[in-house]
N, C-alpha and C. Protein backbone atom coordinates (compact mmCIF):
# COMPACT_ATOMS: atom_id res chain seq x y z
N MET A 1 -27.94 -30.55 15.97
CA MET A 1 -26.84 -31.30 16.07
C MET A 1 -25.92 -29.79 16.34
N MET A 2 -24.84 -29.99 17.43
CA MET A 2 -24.13 -29.14 18.24
C MET A 2 -22.85 -29.48 18.15
N VAL A 3 -21.88 -28.88 17.35
CA VAL A 3 -20.25 -28.66 16.98
C VAL A 3 -19.99 -28.53 17.89
N LYS A 4 -18.88 -29.14 18.84
CA LYS A 4 -18.01 -28.69 20.09
C LYS A 4 -16.63 -28.53 19.17
N PHE A 5 -16.14 -27.15 20.06
CA PHE A 5 -14.79 -26.81 19.54
C PHE A 5 -14.07 -26.93 20.60
N SER A 6 -12.54 -27.41 20.55
CA SER A 6 -12.20 -27.20 21.79
C SER A 6 -11.31 -25.60 22.26
N LYS A 7 -10.44 -25.66 23.11
CA LYS A 7 -9.89 -24.20 23.66
C LYS A 7 -9.34 -23.95 22.50
N LYS A 8 -8.15 -24.94 21.86
CA LYS A 8 -7.22 -24.78 20.63
C LYS A 8 -7.52 -24.33 19.52
N GLN A 9 -8.95 -24.78 19.00
CA GLN A 9 -9.41 -24.44 18.26
C GLN A 9 -10.02 -22.95 17.95
N ILE A 10 -10.47 -22.60 18.93
CA ILE A 10 -11.24 -21.52 19.37
C ILE A 10 -10.25 -20.41 19.54
N ILE A 11 -9.13 -20.45 20.23
CA ILE A 11 -8.05 -19.73 20.46
C ILE A 11 -7.39 -19.25 19.22
N LEU A 12 -7.08 -20.23 18.10
CA LEU A 12 -6.49 -20.21 16.80
C LEU A 12 -7.75 -19.38 15.94
N ALA A 13 -8.70 -19.97 15.60
CA ALA A 13 -9.97 -18.70 15.26
C ALA A 13 -9.70 -17.85 15.49
N ILE A 14 -9.89 -17.18 16.95
CA ILE A 14 -9.69 -15.69 17.19
C ILE A 14 -8.46 -15.09 16.83
N LEU A 15 -6.91 -15.80 16.68
CA LEU A 15 -5.81 -14.87 16.35
C LEU A 15 -6.00 -15.19 14.89
N VAL A 16 -6.43 -16.38 14.50
CA VAL A 16 -6.57 -15.94 12.45
C VAL A 16 -7.53 -14.36 12.16
N SER A 17 -8.53 -14.15 13.24
CA SER A 17 -9.65 -13.47 12.75
C SER A 17 -8.87 -12.08 12.93
N VAL A 18 -7.94 -11.71 14.36
CA VAL A 18 -7.21 -10.78 14.76
C VAL A 18 -6.20 -10.26 13.44
N LEU A 19 -5.56 -11.42 13.15
CA LEU A 19 -4.37 -11.52 12.08
C LEU A 19 -5.16 -10.55 10.70
N LEU A 20 -6.31 -11.54 10.47
CA LEU A 20 -6.84 -10.91 8.86
C LEU A 20 -7.05 -9.49 9.19
N ALA A 21 -7.96 -9.05 10.36
CA ALA A 21 -8.39 -7.96 10.04
C ALA A 21 -7.15 -6.64 10.54
N GLY A 22 -6.55 -7.35 11.30
CA GLY A 22 -5.43 -6.26 11.27
C GLY A 22 -4.36 -6.04 9.96
N GLY A 23 -4.36 -6.97 9.54
CA GLY A 23 -4.04 -6.91 7.60
C GLY A 23 -4.34 -5.92 6.83
N VAL A 24 -6.23 -6.02 7.31
CA VAL A 24 -6.59 -5.11 6.13
C VAL A 24 -6.59 -3.73 6.57
N PHE A 25 -6.90 -3.90 7.92
CA PHE A 25 -6.66 -2.30 8.38
C PHE A 25 -5.63 -1.69 8.22
N ALA A 26 -4.12 -2.48 8.28
CA ALA A 26 -3.07 -1.88 7.78
C ALA A 26 -2.66 -1.29 6.38
N GLN A 27 -3.80 -1.87 5.56
CA GLN A 27 -3.65 -1.34 4.39
C GLN A 27 -4.37 -0.19 3.90
N THR A 28 -4.96 0.19 4.83
CA THR A 28 -6.04 1.58 4.30
C THR A 28 -4.91 2.86 4.76
N ASP A 29 -5.41 4.00 3.37
CA ASP A 29 -4.59 5.18 4.24
C ASP A 29 -4.67 5.32 5.86
N THR A 30 -5.79 5.24 6.85
CA THR A 30 -5.68 5.79 8.14
C THR A 30 -5.04 4.22 8.80
N GLY A 31 -5.06 3.31 8.23
CA GLY A 31 -4.09 2.64 8.93
C GLY A 31 -2.60 2.75 8.90
N GLN A 32 -2.38 3.46 7.82
CA GLN A 32 -0.89 3.28 7.34
C GLN A 32 -0.35 4.69 8.49
N GLU A 33 -1.08 5.42 8.57
CA GLU A 33 -0.98 6.89 9.59
C GLU A 33 -1.12 6.56 10.74
N ILE A 34 -2.07 5.41 10.95
CA ILE A 34 -1.54 5.32 12.45
C ILE A 34 -0.84 4.49 13.26
N ILE A 35 0.14 3.88 12.04
CA ILE A 35 0.92 3.01 12.30
C ILE A 35 2.17 3.42 12.25
N GLY A 36 2.10 4.69 11.00
CA GLY A 36 3.25 5.44 10.94
C GLY A 36 4.24 4.65 9.82
N VAL A 37 3.60 3.86 9.25
CA VAL A 37 4.28 3.37 8.20
C VAL A 37 4.53 3.97 6.95
N LYS A 38 3.57 4.64 6.51
CA LYS A 38 3.43 5.25 5.26
C LYS A 38 4.41 6.78 4.98
N GLU A 39 5.28 6.27 4.05
CA GLU A 39 6.24 7.18 3.67
C GLU A 39 6.34 7.38 2.45
N THR A 40 6.51 8.72 1.97
CA THR A 40 6.64 8.94 0.62
C THR A 40 7.97 9.69 0.26
N VAL A 41 8.89 8.57 -0.81
CA VAL A 41 9.86 9.05 -0.80
C VAL A 41 9.86 9.83 -2.36
N VAL A 42 10.59 10.51 -2.38
CA VAL A 42 10.77 11.13 -4.30
C VAL A 42 11.56 11.32 -4.78
N SER A 43 12.37 10.74 -5.77
CA SER A 43 13.52 11.09 -5.88
C SER A 43 13.88 10.69 -7.54
N GLY A 44 14.87 11.06 -7.81
CA GLY A 44 14.97 11.43 -9.48
C GLY A 44 16.14 12.46 -9.09
N TYR A 45 16.56 12.53 -10.73
CA TYR A 45 17.29 14.10 -10.99
C TYR A 45 16.86 14.24 -12.60
N ASP A 46 17.42 15.58 -12.70
CA ASP A 46 16.94 16.32 -13.90
C ASP A 46 18.00 15.91 -15.08
N ASN A 47 17.88 15.07 -16.01
CA ASN A 47 19.00 14.37 -16.60
C ASN A 47 18.90 15.11 -18.17
N SER A 48 18.47 16.40 -18.49
CA SER A 48 18.48 17.11 -19.63
C SER A 48 20.05 17.45 -20.16
N LEU A 49 20.66 18.02 -19.27
CA LEU A 49 21.86 18.03 -19.76
C LEU A 49 22.85 17.12 -19.83
N LEU A 50 22.51 15.48 -19.64
CA LEU A 50 23.27 14.77 -19.97
C LEU A 50 23.14 14.00 -21.36
N TYR A 51 21.59 14.45 -21.51
CA TYR A 51 20.92 14.19 -22.95
C TYR A 51 21.13 14.75 -23.98
N ASN A 52 21.35 16.20 -23.83
CA ASN A 52 21.42 17.07 -24.72
C ASN A 52 22.93 17.23 -24.87
N THR A 53 23.85 17.07 -24.12
CA THR A 53 25.21 17.51 -24.14
C THR A 53 25.57 16.25 -25.32
N ASP A 54 26.63 16.56 -25.90
CA ASP A 54 27.77 15.71 -27.34
C ASP A 54 28.49 15.18 -26.16
N LEU A 55 28.74 14.24 -25.64
CA LEU A 55 30.06 14.17 -24.54
C LEU A 55 31.35 13.72 -25.26
N ASP A 56 31.41 13.20 -27.02
CA ASP A 56 32.49 13.07 -27.60
C ASP A 56 32.79 14.55 -27.90
N LYS A 57 32.41 15.48 -27.98
CA LYS A 57 33.01 17.10 -28.05
C LYS A 57 32.97 18.09 -26.76
N PHE A 58 32.64 17.74 -25.76
CA PHE A 58 32.47 18.22 -24.35
C PHE A 58 34.06 18.74 -24.03
N ASN A 59 34.02 20.11 -23.95
CA ASN A 59 35.63 20.35 -23.48
C ASN A 59 35.84 20.66 -22.29
N MET A 60 36.91 19.74 -21.77
CA MET A 60 36.88 19.98 -20.38
C MET A 60 37.84 20.85 -19.95
N ASN A 61 38.53 21.67 -21.13
CA ASN A 61 39.28 22.77 -20.46
C ASN A 61 40.59 22.48 -19.42
N PHE A 62 41.15 21.51 -19.67
CA PHE A 62 42.13 21.26 -18.78
C PHE A 62 43.19 22.29 -18.40
N LYS A 63 43.98 22.84 -17.55
CA LYS A 63 44.69 23.81 -17.52
C LYS A 63 45.44 23.84 -16.33
N ILE A 64 47.00 24.24 -16.36
CA ILE A 64 47.69 23.84 -15.51
C ILE A 64 47.64 25.34 -14.74
N GLU A 65 47.41 25.26 -13.49
CA GLU A 65 47.32 26.74 -13.27
C GLU A 65 48.70 26.89 -12.21
N LYS A 66 49.37 26.04 -11.24
CA LYS A 66 50.76 26.21 -10.90
C LYS A 66 51.56 25.13 -10.91
N ILE A 67 53.03 24.96 -10.79
CA ILE A 67 53.45 23.48 -10.68
C ILE A 67 54.47 24.63 -9.25
N GLU A 68 54.36 23.74 -8.35
CA GLU A 68 55.32 23.95 -6.99
C GLU A 68 56.47 22.64 -6.77
N GLU A 69 57.42 22.67 -6.05
CA GLU A 69 58.31 21.79 -5.72
C GLU A 69 58.49 21.78 -4.40
N ASP A 70 58.73 20.24 -4.04
CA ASP A 70 59.43 20.48 -2.50
C ASP A 70 60.69 19.66 -2.69
N LEU A 71 61.39 19.49 -1.70
CA LEU A 71 62.52 19.12 -1.69
C LEU A 71 62.49 17.56 -2.62
N SER A 72 61.93 17.46 -2.77
CA SER A 72 61.99 15.51 -3.73
C SER A 72 60.53 15.39 -4.52
N ILE A 73 59.42 16.47 -4.32
CA ILE A 73 58.09 16.34 -4.90
C ILE A 73 57.91 17.52 -5.84
N TYR A 74 57.31 17.34 -7.04
CA TYR A 74 56.47 18.38 -7.68
C TYR A 74 54.94 18.18 -7.61
N TYR A 75 54.02 19.29 -7.16
CA TYR A 75 52.77 19.59 -6.78
C TYR A 75 52.45 20.65 -8.18
N VAL A 76 51.41 19.25 -8.75
CA VAL A 76 50.70 20.41 -10.29
C VAL A 76 49.65 20.41 -9.63
N THR A 77 49.14 21.55 -9.98
CA THR A 77 47.56 22.02 -9.33
C THR A 77 46.70 22.82 -11.03
N TYR A 78 45.59 22.48 -11.10
CA TYR A 78 44.99 22.04 -12.32
C TYR A 78 43.47 22.25 -12.18
N THR A 79 43.30 22.76 -13.20
CA THR A 79 41.51 22.80 -12.93
C THR A 79 41.01 22.19 -14.28
N TYR A 80 39.36 21.81 -14.30
CA TYR A 80 38.84 21.17 -15.61
C TYR A 80 37.84 21.16 -15.30
N SER A 81 36.87 21.48 -16.38
CA SER A 81 35.24 21.59 -16.28
C SER A 81 34.66 19.65 -16.44
N ASP A 82 33.75 19.82 -15.84
CA ASP A 82 33.27 18.42 -15.41
C ASP A 82 31.43 18.54 -15.34
N ILE A 83 31.27 17.59 -15.59
CA ILE A 83 29.28 17.27 -15.43
C ILE A 83 29.40 16.57 -14.13
N VAL A 84 28.84 17.31 -13.44
CA VAL A 84 28.57 16.82 -11.56
C VAL A 84 27.19 16.90 -11.77
N LYS A 85 26.64 16.16 -10.53
CA LYS A 85 25.50 15.67 -9.72
C LYS A 85 25.26 16.84 -8.38
N LEU A 86 24.32 17.80 -8.82
CA LEU A 86 24.56 18.69 -7.84
C LEU A 86 22.97 18.02 -6.94
N LYS A 87 22.15 18.85 -6.02
CA LYS A 87 21.36 18.23 -5.39
C LYS A 87 19.75 17.44 -6.38
N ASP A 88 19.42 17.78 -7.22
CA ASP A 88 18.65 17.11 -8.15
C ASP A 88 19.00 17.66 -9.42
N SER A 89 19.74 17.62 -10.00
CA SER A 89 20.14 18.35 -11.29
C SER A 89 21.87 18.07 -11.77
N TRP A 90 22.08 17.99 -12.69
CA TRP A 90 23.27 17.94 -13.45
C TRP A 90 23.73 19.22 -13.79
N ASP A 91 25.09 19.99 -13.87
CA ASP A 91 25.48 21.10 -13.89
C ASP A 91 26.95 20.93 -14.31
N VAL A 92 27.49 21.63 -15.08
CA VAL A 92 28.70 22.24 -15.36
C VAL A 92 29.44 22.69 -14.40
N GLN A 93 30.32 22.09 -13.88
CA GLN A 93 31.50 22.94 -12.82
C GLN A 93 32.90 22.73 -13.08
N VAL A 94 33.63 24.01 -12.70
CA VAL A 94 34.92 24.02 -13.07
C VAL A 94 35.70 23.05 -11.23
N LEU A 95 36.72 22.36 -11.77
CA LEU A 95 37.07 21.51 -10.45
C LEU A 95 38.57 21.67 -10.34
N GLU A 96 39.10 22.20 -9.17
CA GLU A 96 40.51 21.96 -9.08
C GLU A 96 41.51 20.92 -8.40
N LYS A 97 41.95 20.02 -8.84
CA LYS A 97 42.79 18.99 -8.41
C LYS A 97 44.58 19.32 -8.25
N ILE A 98 44.94 18.89 -6.95
CA ILE A 98 46.56 18.77 -7.15
C ILE A 98 47.12 17.38 -7.32
N ILE A 99 48.15 17.30 -7.89
CA ILE A 99 48.53 16.03 -8.05
C ILE A 99 50.32 16.13 -7.59
């Protein structure tokens, strides 16, 4: 007994086979390298300074550096210590602002 397939069924079967084979190939390391999709990103920060600092007792060392005046405005330059995020860790730095 011979089964006849139409052209649409044959094309559909070939298309499904190609898609399934491509999907399986894309999951392998070689497939990832050929496709160029594999990308590894390492992200994270060293949070040990934040964990070890008692923020209730953290001294920000506010200090007014100078006061200048314009015709109608006063400019106050001050410095303070703050915990800031650097490349991949946290650090205490002295910052300066003008209000």
